C-alpha atoms as a PDB file:
ATOM      1  CA  MET A   1      44.838 102.432 126.752  1.00  0.00           C
ATOM      2  CA  TYR A   2      41.125 101.986 127.433  1.00  0.00           C
ATOM      3  CA  ASN A   3      41.425 103.477 130.926  1.00  0.00           C
ATOM      4  CA  ALA A   4      43.352 106.502 129.653  1.00  0.00           C
ATOM      5  CA  LEU A   5      40.709 107.171 127.002  1.00  0.00           C
ATOM      6  CA  LEU A   6      37.947 106.726 129.570  1.00  0.00           C
ATOM      7  CA  ILE A   7      39.553 109.278 131.898  1.00  0.00           C
ATOM      8  CA  ALA A   8      39.997 111.685 128.979  1.00  0.00           C
ATOM      9  CA  GLU A   9      36.326 111.198 128.054  1.00  0.00           C
ATOM     10  CA  LEU A  10      35.256 112.011 131.608  1.00  0.00           C
ATOM     11  CA  VAL A  11      37.428 115.139 131.731  1.00  0.00           C
ATOM     12  CA  VAL A  12      36.138 116.354 128.358  1.00  0.00           C
ATOM     13  CA  SER A  13      32.533 115.720 129.377  1.00  0.00           C
ATOM     14  CA  VAL A  14      32.919 117.749 132.591  1.00  0.00           C
ATOM     15  CA  LEU A  15      34.604 120.586 130.667  1.00  0.00           C
ATOM     16  CA  LEU A  16      31.836 120.491 128.068  1.00  0.00           C
ATOM     17  CA  ILE A  17      29.172 120.775 130.772  1.00  0.00           C
ATOM     18  CA  ILE A  18      30.976 123.748 132.347  1.00  0.00           C
ATOM     19  CA  ILE A  19      31.409 125.558 129.017  1.00  0.00           C
ATOM     20  CA  VAL A  20      27.774 125.055 128.035  1.00  0.00           C
ATOM     21  CA  ALA A  21      26.637 126.309 131.443  1.00  0.00           C
ATOM     22  CA  MET A  22      28.801 129.442 131.051  1.00  0.00           C
ATOM     23  CA  GLN A  23      27.191 130.492 127.764  1.00  0.00           C
ATOM     24  CA  PRO A  24      24.877 133.482 128.018  1.00  0.00           C
ATOM     25  CA  THR A  25      21.157 132.873 127.805  1.00  0.00           C
ATOM     26  CA  LYS A  26      19.011 134.213 125.009  1.00  0.00           C
ATOM     27  CA  THR A  27      16.265 136.623 125.942  1.00  0.00           C
ATOM     28  CA  ASN A  28      12.724 135.486 125.282  1.00  0.00           C
ATOM     29  CA  SER A  29      10.665 138.509 124.363  1.00  0.00           C
ATOM     30  CA  ALA A  30       7.108 138.640 123.068  1.00  0.00           C
ATOM     31  CA  SER A  31       8.336 139.049 119.486  1.00  0.00           C
ATOM     32  CA  THR A  32      10.411 135.883 119.781  1.00  0.00           C
ATOM     33  CA  ALA A  33       7.376 133.969 120.993  1.00  0.00           C
ATOM     34  CA  LEU A  34       5.248 135.201 118.103  1.00  0.00           C
ATOM     35  CA  THR A  35       7.783 134.791 115.300  1.00  0.00           C
ATOM     36  CA  GLY A  36       9.456 131.682 116.639  1.00  0.00           C
ATOM     37  CA  GLY A  37      12.848 133.345 116.733  1.00  0.00           C
ATOM     38  CA  ALA A  38      13.046 133.771 112.952  1.00  0.00           C
ATOM     39  CA  GLU A  39      14.716 137.156 113.198  1.00  0.00           C
ATOM     40  CA  GLN A  40      17.531 135.597 115.214  1.00  0.00           C
ATOM     41  CA  LEU A  41      17.877 132.728 112.769  1.00  0.00           C
ATOM     42  CA  PHE A  42      17.949 134.827 109.612  1.00  0.00           C
ATOM     43  CA  GLY A  43      19.335 138.003 111.117  1.00  0.00           C
ATOM     44  CA  ASN A  44      22.891 139.017 110.498  1.00  0.00           C
ATOM     45  CA  GLN A  45      24.077 138.604 114.054  1.00  0.00           C
ATOM     46  CA  LYS A  46      27.692 137.687 114.539  1.00  0.00           C
ATOM     47  CA  LYS A  47      28.923 136.479 117.876  1.00  0.00           C
ATOM     48  CA  ARG A  48      31.808 138.512 119.194  1.00  0.00           C
ATOM     49  CA  GLY A  49      34.294 138.284 121.994  1.00  0.00           C
ATOM     50  CA  PHE A  50      33.412 135.996 124.864  1.00  0.00           C
ATOM     51  CA  GLU A  51      30.468 134.353 123.089  1.00  0.00           C
ATOM     52  CA  ALA A  52      32.578 133.508 120.036  1.00  0.00           C
ATOM     53  CA  VAL A  53      35.296 131.950 122.180  1.00  0.00           C
ATOM     54  CA  LEU A  54      32.763 129.880 124.107  1.00  0.00           C
ATOM     55  CA  GLN A  55      31.149 128.713 120.870  1.00  0.00           C
ATOM     56  CA  ARG A  56      34.498 127.619 119.414  1.00  0.00           C
ATOM     57  CA  ILE A  57      35.491 125.817 122.614  1.00  0.00           C
ATOM     58  CA  THR A  58      32.111 124.054 122.650  1.00  0.00           C
ATOM     59  CA  VAL A  59      32.565 122.843 119.074  1.00  0.00           C
ATOM     60  CA  VAL A  60      36.109 121.618 119.745  1.00  0.00           C
ATOM     61  CA  LEU A  61      35.162 119.837 122.974  1.00  0.00           C
ATOM     62  CA  GLY A  62      32.102 118.297 121.326  1.00  0.00           C
ATOM     63  CA  THR A  63      34.238 116.968 118.482  1.00  0.00           C
ATOM     64  CA  ILE A  64      36.811 115.546 120.900  1.00  0.00           C
ATOM     65  CA  PHE A  65      34.002 113.961 122.912  1.00  0.00           C
ATOM     66  CA  VAL A  66      32.578 112.189 119.864  1.00  0.00           C
ATOM     67  CA  VAL A  67      36.001 110.990 118.688  1.00  0.00           C
ATOM     68  CA  LEU A  68      36.825 109.627 122.142  1.00  0.00           C
ATOM     69  CA  ALA A  69      33.433 107.929 122.360  1.00  0.00           C
ATOM     70  CA  LEU A  70      34.017 106.222 119.012  1.00  0.00           C
ATOM     71  CA  ALA A  71      37.516 105.145 120.063  1.00  0.00           C
ATOM     72  CA  LEU A  72      36.167 103.722 123.321  1.00  0.00           C
ATOM     73  CA  ALA A  73      33.454 101.824 121.464  1.00  0.00           C
ATOM     74  CA  TYR A  74      36.020 100.405 119.049  1.00  0.00           C
ATOM     75  CA  LEU A  75      38.341  99.336 121.868  1.00  0.00           C
ATOM     76  CA  SER A  76      35.552  97.720 123.853  1.00  0.00           C
ATOM     77  CA  ALA A  77      34.442  95.715 120.789  1.00  0.00           C
ATOM     78  CA  HIS A  78      37.934  94.373 120.066  1.00  0.00           C
END
């Protein structure tokens, strides 16, 4: 059981790294440097298409990663 969870944790971590690396970068303009990115934080920008899918996959994989990490910690303690 422990080994299966460990392999799943490794697979999820590699997938999480790939998904995060695939996300588009944010542009750093002069206005972002001066305002600290406040217009992006409070602006009404909704992610669409590819960015939305990547964001959802990142959240799901991150949640699975944390759950697997907790399960592995529980199994190693008992």
